[in-house]
Amino acid sequence: MNNHQNAIFHQITNFLKTPLALLGVDLKNFQFNKICHFANHPYLCKGLTFLILCLSSLVFAGVHPSKPWLEINYPQDQEKRWWDDAWWQEGQLPVPQNHQVSMQEITYMDGEVKVEAFLFKPTQPGKYLPILFQHGRRGLDDWTLPRVKRLAARGFIVLAPNMFGTYLKPPFPNKHTPAYDHHVAKGIDVLLERDDIIGNKVCTVSHTRGGYMTLKALVTHKQQAEKVACYVSYYPHWQDPDASEVEQVYQYASEINDLKVPTLIFIGEHEQYQRLRPILLGIKVLKTNRIDAELIVYPGVGRGFDFRPEHVRTFADDLAAKDANQRTAAFVRKHLQ
């Protein structure tokens, strides 16, 4: 082998160090230039070089050829807290509670304000675990009231304050009314005063801007320490609705720094960026603060998957809504019982 050929093989040897090491080949005892001597074994040399290059390409590729072209990893797939051995090993599915539910319109006083609310509870007499549900910008209407009923049907007493009905305001407001946050906090007290509930704490469930109202009730109005066991929210607005554009997109509500209760958040993968980013940041902060916080992202859906009506509803919406409903029920029971 001349000097030129020796230099070429020296370069090849250096190039193959990493892939050959991953393949378990010890280059210290692998004298490539002695085996591949063009003068004595030209075809063996060429064949061995081609074989090693092919093997190295597989190592550098890193992805098994059976994997799809595009691989998507969602937050819930990192810890896999959704894993269920009973289902996977024995084929057993959890059976949800199913109750007939009644709906009653009630009021409660918060200072001088008579707050209107809906109360949902199973028709079968007995005591049940309490939940406060807080609506968002849409309010409580023919689309959103049934989603509260579907929560109560899992065996809960659910109080749903009606902020827009209380103030005779139209839905979809731009500005936030801070008094709503206090009415939510008072609603927690009212719910705990009932004699048909189990225990001395509630969980809050909300969606969209209701997630901000309940956050303020727990942190600013100090209801979380002794009265609230957990916080659940669907695509919550985790920022002051009146904050600047920069704050809406790149920051999260400062109250999240002081949220102390277990937290479960649901969003769709097609959620708007300005809503998604504060949620991702907020979940990271909660985990850094050692709060039990979980984020579930549902493929194929966007905002409103929990209540979108039949004429626009998709199969993905329904799958996500049913799963989130049952996960909410399990999460609430875990922390209230």
Protein backbone atom coordinates (compact mmCIF):
# COMPACT_ATOMS: atom_id res chain seq x y z
CA MET A 1 0.00 0.00 0.00
CA ASN A 2 1.47 3.36 -0.97
CA ASN A 3 1.40 6.51 1.14
CA HIS A 4 -1.68 7.85 -0.64
CA GLN A 5 -3.67 4.66 0.01
CA ASN A 6 -2.49 4.55 3.62
CA ALA A 7 -3.68 8.12 4.18
CA ILE A 8 -7.10 7.26 2.74
CA PHE A 9 -7.50 4.26 5.02
CA HIS A 10 -6.32 6.32 7.99
CA GLN A 11 -9.11 8.82 7.28
CA ILE A 12 -11.67 6.03 6.89
CA THR A 13 -10.57 4.49 10.19
CA ASN A 14 -11.00 7.81 12.02
CA PHE A 15 -14.39 8.35 10.40
CA LEU A 16 -15.59 4.92 11.48
CA LYS A 17 -14.46 5.17 15.10
CA THR A 18 -17.85 6.26 16.45
CA PRO A 19 -20.13 3.91 14.50
CA LEU A 20 -17.78 0.95 14.98
CA ALA A 21 -17.62 1.64 18.70
CA LEU A 22 -21.45 1.59 18.82
CA LEU A 23 -21.31 -1.70 16.95
CA GLY A 24 -18.88 -3.12 19.51
CA VAL A 25 -15.74 -3.10 17.38
CA ASP A 26 -12.49 -2.27 19.18
CA LEU A 27 -10.39 -0.17 16.81
CA LYS A 28 -7.32 -0.55 18.98
CA ASN A 29 -7.08 -4.18 17.90
CA PHE A 30 -8.66 -3.64 14.50
CA GLN A 31 -5.82 -3.07 12.04
CA PHE A 32 -7.86 -1.97 9.05
CA ASN A 33 -4.89 -1.21 6.83
CA LYS A 34 -3.38 -4.66 7.40
CA ILE A 35 -6.55 -6.49 6.45
CA CYS A 36 -7.32 -4.25 3.49
CA HIS A 37 -4.10 -4.32 1.52
CA PHE A 38 -4.86 -3.37 -2.06
CA ALA A 39 -1.83 -5.17 -3.37
CA ASN A 40 -2.85 -8.52 -1.89
CA HIS A 41 -6.63 -8.34 -1.45
CA PRO A 42 -8.13 -5.59 -3.62
CA TYR A 43 -11.66 -7.05 -3.80
CA LEU A 44 -11.75 -8.06 -0.13
CA CYS A 45 -10.70 -4.53 0.79
CA LYS A 46 -13.36 -2.88 -1.32
CA GLY A 47 -16.06 -5.25 -0.05
CA LEU A 48 -15.14 -4.79 3.61
CA THR A 49 -15.07 -1.03 3.23
CA PHE A 50 -18.52 -1.03 1.65
CA LEU A 51 -19.90 -3.31 4.39
CA ILE A 52 -18.59 -1.14 7.21
CA LEU A 53 -19.89 2.05 5.58
CA CYS A 54 -23.34 0.48 5.30
CA LEU A 55 -23.30 -0.55 8.96
CA SER A 56 -22.14 2.90 10.04
CA SER A 57 -24.94 4.54 8.10
CA LEU A 58 -27.46 2.51 10.09
CA VAL A 59 -25.88 3.61 13.35
CA PHE A 60 -25.83 7.27 12.37
CA ALA A 61 -29.41 7.12 11.12
CA GLY A 62 -30.58 6.27 14.65
CA VAL A 63 -34.21 5.70 13.67
CA HIS A 64 -35.54 2.23 13.09
CA PRO A 65 -36.93 1.88 9.54
CA SER A 66 -40.27 0.70 10.93
CA LYS A 67 -40.93 4.09 12.53
CA PRO A 68 -43.20 6.62 10.76
CA TRP A 69 -41.78 9.50 8.79
CA LEU A 70 -43.07 11.96 11.38
CA GLU A 71 -42.95 11.11 15.07
CA ILE A 72 -44.90 13.32 17.50
CA ASN A 73 -44.29 13.18 21.24
CA TYR A 74 -46.89 14.76 23.53
CA PRO A 75 -46.19 15.88 27.12
CA GLN A 76 -48.21 12.99 28.60
CA ASP A 77 -46.02 10.46 26.77
CA GLN A 78 -42.91 11.35 28.76
CA GLU A 79 -44.06 10.08 32.17
CA LYS A 80 -46.89 7.86 30.83
CA ARG A 81 -49.06 8.42 33.88
CA TRP A 82 -51.96 7.27 31.73
CA TRP A 83 -50.58 3.72 31.65
CA ASP A 84 -53.00 1.12 33.04
CA ASP A 85 -51.68 -2.38 33.76
CA ALA A 86 -55.18 -3.70 34.44
CA TRP A 87 -56.18 -2.77 30.89
CA TRP A 88 -52.97 -3.82 29.20
CA GLN A 89 -52.38 -7.10 31.03
CA GLU A 90 -55.90 -8.23 31.89
CA GLY A 91 -58.10 -6.32 29.44
CA GLN A 92 -60.00 -4.62 32.26
CA LEU A 93 -61.47 -1.15 31.68
CA PRO A 94 -62.47 1.20 34.51
CA VAL A 95 -66.25 1.47 34.71
CA PRO A 96 -67.43 5.08 35.20
CA GLN A 97 -70.18 5.98 37.59
CA ASN A 98 -73.38 6.94 35.81
CA HIS A 99 -76.10 8.95 37.55
CA GLN A 100 -79.28 10.67 36.53
CA VAL A 101 -78.77 14.36 37.28
CA SER A 102 -81.04 17.21 38.31
CA MET A 103 -80.39 20.90 37.63
CA GLN A 104 -81.54 23.69 39.92
CA GLU A 105 -81.12 27.47 39.65
CA ILE A 106 -80.03 28.99 42.95
CA THR A 107 -78.51 32.21 44.29
CA TYR A 108 -76.02 33.03 47.01
CA MET A 109 -74.90 36.31 48.54
CA ASP A 110 -71.40 37.72 48.16
CA GLY A 111 -71.54 40.93 50.13
CA GLU A 112 -74.35 42.92 48.57
CA VAL A 113 -74.33 40.97 45.30
CA LYS A 114 -76.82 38.16 44.74
CA VAL A 115 -74.84 35.72 42.61
CA GLU A 116 -76.83 33.46 40.29
CA ALA A 117 -75.72 29.86 39.89
CA PHE A 118 -76.74 26.42 38.69
CA LEU A 119 -76.58 23.40 40.97
CA PHE A 120 -76.23 19.94 39.44
CA LYS A 121 -76.45 16.80 41.54
CA PRO A 122 -77.44 13.12 41.20
CA THR A 123 -81.15 12.51 41.69
CA GLN A 124 -80.48 9.54 43.94
CA PRO A 125 -80.54 10.76 47.57
CA GLY A 126 -77.20 10.77 49.32
CA LYS A 127 -74.01 12.72 49.86
CA TYR A 128 -71.55 13.38 47.06
CA LEU A 129 -68.13 14.92 46.53
CA PRO A 130 -68.30 18.67 45.73
CA ILE A 131 -66.98 20.47 42.65
CA LEU A 132 -67.14 24.13 41.72
CA PHE A 133 -67.29 24.60 37.95
CA GLN A 134 -66.44 27.99 36.49
CA HIS A 135 -67.43 28.97 32.97
CA GLY A 136 -65.40 31.14 30.61
CA ARG A 137 -66.19 33.88 28.11
CA ARG A 138 -69.03 31.95 26.56
CA GLY A 139 -70.89 31.75 29.84
CA LEU A 140 -73.47 29.07 30.64
CA ASP A 141 -75.77 28.36 27.71
CA ASP A 142 -77.32 25.48 25.78
CA TRP A 143 -73.86 24.31 24.70
CA THR A 144 -71.95 24.59 27.98
CA LEU A 145 -74.57 23.63 30.57
CA PRO A 146 -74.67 20.01 29.34
CA ARG A 147 -70.92 19.67 29.85
CA VAL A 148 -71.46 20.58 33.52
CA LYS A 149 -74.22 17.97 33.69
CA ARG A 150 -71.88 15.37 32.20
CA LEU A 151 -69.46 16.09 35.05
CA ALA A 152 -72.15 15.74 37.73
CA ALA A 153 -73.26 12.45 36.12
CA ARG A 154 -70.01 10.91 37.35
CA GLY A 155 -71.38 11.25 40.89
CA PHE A 156 -70.63 14.81 42.03
CA ILE A 157 -72.49 17.83 43.33
CA VAL A 158 -71.44 20.68 41.03
CA LEU A 159 -72.02 24.37 41.70
CA ALA A 160 -71.66 26.54 38.59
CA PRO A 161 -71.75 30.31 39.29
CA ASN A 162 -73.29 32.30 36.42
CA MET A 163 -71.37 35.56 36.23
CA PHE A 164 -73.04 37.02 33.15
CA GLY A 165 -76.52 36.15 34.39
CA THR A 166 -75.73 37.81 37.71
CA TYR A 167 -74.82 41.12 36.07
CA LEU A 168 -77.12 40.79 33.04
CA LYS A 169 -74.06 41.04 30.79
CA PRO A 170 -73.73 39.55 27.28
CA PRO A 171 -71.26 36.70 26.77
CA PHE A 172 -67.80 36.96 25.20
CA PRO A 173 -66.53 40.04 27.08
CA ASN A 174 -63.14 41.45 26.19
CA LYS A 175 -62.34 42.95 29.57
CA HIS A 176 -62.18 40.96 32.79
CA THR A 177 -64.26 41.86 35.84
CA PRO A 178 -62.24 41.20 39.03
CA ALA A 179 -65.44 40.87 41.08
CA TYR A 180 -66.03 37.55 39.33
CA ASP A 181 -62.93 36.11 41.00
CA HIS A 182 -64.31 36.96 44.43
CA HIS A 183 -67.69 35.45 43.54
CA VAL A 184 -65.90 32.20 42.67
CA ALA A 185 -64.11 32.26 46.03
CA LYS A 186 -67.42 32.82 47.82
CA GLY A 187 -68.97 29.99 45.83
CA ILE A 188 -66.43 27.63 47.37
CA ASP A 189 -67.61 28.67 50.84
CA VAL A 190 -71.26 28.22 49.86
CA LEU A 191 -70.59 24.75 48.48
CA LEU A 192 -68.79 23.69 51.67
CA GLU A 193 -71.74 24.83 53.78
CA ARG A 194 -74.07 22.26 52.19
CA ASP A 195 -75.13 19.23 54.21
CA ASP A 196 -75.27 16.90 51.20
CA ILE A 197 -71.54 16.87 50.41
CA ILE A 198 -68.78 14.51 51.45
CA GLY A 199 -65.73 15.95 53.22
CA ASN A 200 -64.56 19.47 53.93
CA LYS A 201 -62.82 20.39 50.69
CA VAL A 202 -63.81 20.97 47.06
CA CYS A 203 -62.08 20.67 43.72
CA THR A 204 -62.45 23.32 41.06
CA VAL A 205 -63.05 22.49 37.39
CA SER A 206 -63.11 25.17 34.72
CA HIS A 207 -62.49 26.00 31.11
CA THR A 208 -61.03 28.92 29.16
CA ARG A 209 -61.26 32.19 31.18
CA GLY A 210 -62.82 30.31 34.06
CA GLY A 211 -59.36 28.87 34.59
CA TYR A 212 -58.12 32.37 35.40
CA MET A 213 -61.06 33.12 37.72
CA THR A 214 -60.52 29.94 39.73
CA LEU A 215 -56.75 30.58 39.85
CA LYS A 216 -57.43 34.01 41.36
CA ALA A 217 -59.96 32.56 43.81
CA LEU A 218 -57.45 30.00 45.05
CA VAL A 219 -54.37 32.20 45.22
CA THR A 220 -55.38 35.87 45.49
CA HIS A 221 -58.44 35.18 47.64
CA LYS A 222 -56.61 32.47 49.60
CA GLN A 223 -59.06 29.60 49.26
CA GLN A 224 -56.55 26.89 48.45
CA ALA A 225 -54.91 26.40 51.85
CA GLU A 226 -57.77 24.71 53.71
CA LYS A 227 -60.72 24.51 51.31
CA VAL A 228 -59.52 23.28 47.91
CA ALA A 229 -58.00 19.87 47.18
CA CYS A 230 -57.31 20.12 43.43
CA TYR A 231 -57.50 22.31 40.33
CA VAL A 232 -58.65 21.03 36.92
CA SER A 233 -59.00 23.20 33.83
CA TYR A 234 -59.60 22.78 30.11
CA TYR A 235 -57.44 25.09 27.94
CA PRO A 236 -57.29 27.72 30.73
CA HIS A 237 -56.49 31.37 30.10
CA TRP A 238 -53.42 31.43 32.34
CA GLN A 239 -52.84 35.13 32.07
CA ASP A 240 -54.63 38.31 33.12
CA PRO A 241 -57.11 38.91 30.26
CA ASP A 242 -56.36 42.63 30.50
CA ALA A 243 -52.58 42.19 30.26
CA SER A 244 -50.53 43.44 27.30
CA GLU A 245 -49.99 41.46 24.11
CA VAL A 246 -46.43 40.57 25.11
CA GLU A 247 -47.62 39.25 28.47
CA GLN A 248 -50.41 37.28 26.81
CA VAL A 249 -48.03 35.49 24.46
CA TYR A 250 -44.76 35.15 26.36
CA GLN A 251 -45.67 35.08 30.05
CA TYR A 252 -48.01 33.33 32.43
CA ALA A 253 -50.12 34.66 35.29
CA SER A 254 -47.90 35.32 38.30
CA GLU A 255 -50.44 33.59 40.55
CA ILE A 256 -49.25 30.25 39.16
CA ASN A 257 -46.04 30.73 41.14
CA ASP A 258 -48.13 30.38 44.31
CA LEU A 259 -50.57 27.66 43.24
CA LYS A 260 -50.12 24.81 45.74
CA VAL A 261 -52.77 22.20 44.90
CA PRO A 262 -52.53 19.23 42.49
CA THR A 263 -53.27 20.43 38.96
CA LEU A 264 -54.60 18.72 35.83
CA ILE A 265 -54.80 20.58 32.50
CA PHE A 266 -56.37 19.49 29.20
CA ILE A 267 -55.74 21.14 25.83
CA GLY A 268 -56.05 20.20 22.17
CA GLU A 269 -53.01 20.05 19.91
CA HIS A 270 -54.57 22.76 17.69
CA GLU A 271 -54.90 25.23 20.56
CA GLN A 272 -53.95 28.82 19.74
CA TYR A 273 -50.29 29.65 20.34
CA GLN A 274 -50.94 32.55 22.71
CA ARG A 275 -52.97 30.23 24.93
CA LEU A 276 -50.66 27.23 24.62
CA ARG A 277 -47.36 28.90 25.50
CA PRO A 278 -48.41 30.24 28.97
CA ILE A 279 -49.85 26.80 29.78
CA LEU A 280 -46.58 25.06 28.90
CA LEU A 281 -44.61 27.60 30.92
CA GLY A 282 -47.02 27.37 33.85
CA ILE A 283 -46.86 23.58 34.01
CA LYS A 284 -43.07 23.75 34.01
CA VAL A 285 -43.15 26.22 36.92
CA LEU A 286 -45.53 24.03 38.92
CA LYS A 287 -43.32 20.98 38.44
CA THR A 288 -40.26 23.01 39.43
CA ASN A 289 -42.16 23.95 42.59
CA ARG A 290 -42.82 20.22 43.20
CA ILE A 291 -46.56 20.53 42.66
CA ASP A 292 -48.31 17.47 41.25
CA ALA A 293 -49.10 18.92 37.82
CA GLU A 294 -50.05 17.08 34.64
CA LEU A 295 -50.74 18.35 31.12
CA ILE A 296 -52.62 16.24 28.59
CA VAL A 297 -52.65 17.27 24.92
CA TYR A 298 -55.33 15.60 22.80
CA PRO A 299 -54.42 14.92 19.16
CA GLY A 300 -56.69 16.19 16.42
CA VAL A 301 -58.71 18.71 18.44
CA GLY A 302 -58.67 22.39 19.28
CA ARG A 303 -60.48 24.62 21.75
CA GLY A 304 -64.03 23.75 22.76
CA PHE A 305 -63.73 19.98 22.32
CA ASP A 306 -65.61 19.52 25.60
CA PHE A 307 -68.80 21.25 24.40
CA ARG A 308 -68.76 21.76 20.61
CA PRO A 309 -72.28 20.96 19.29
CA GLU A 310 -73.29 18.10 17.06
CA HIS A 311 -73.27 19.94 13.73
CA VAL A 312 -69.54 20.78 14.04
CA ARG A 313 -68.45 18.04 16.41
CA THR A 314 -65.83 15.52 15.31
CA PHE A 315 -65.03 12.00 16.41
CA ALA A 316 -61.76 13.31 17.86
CA ASP A 317 -63.72 15.90 19.91
CA ASP A 318 -65.86 13.16 21.38
CA LEU A 319 -62.95 10.87 22.20
CA ALA A 320 -61.11 13.72 23.92
CA ALA A 321 -64.19 14.91 25.85
CA LYS A 322 -65.05 11.43 27.14
CA ASP A 323 -61.49 10.73 28.18
CA ALA A 324 -61.06 14.11 29.89
CA ASN A 325 -64.41 13.67 31.68
CA GLN A 326 -63.35 10.34 33.16
CA ARG A 327 -59.84 11.52 33.98
CA THR A 328 -61.30 14.54 35.76
CA ALA A 329 -63.59 12.30 37.81
CA ALA A 330 -60.70 10.01 38.79
CA PHE A 331 -58.44 12.96 39.63
CA VAL A 332 -61.08 14.62 41.80
CA ARG A 333 -61.86 11.42 43.66
CA LYS A 334 -58.19 10.76 44.27
CA HIS A 335 -57.72 14.11 45.97
CA LEU A 336 -61.06 14.46 47.76
CA GLN A 337 -61.32 10.97 49.27
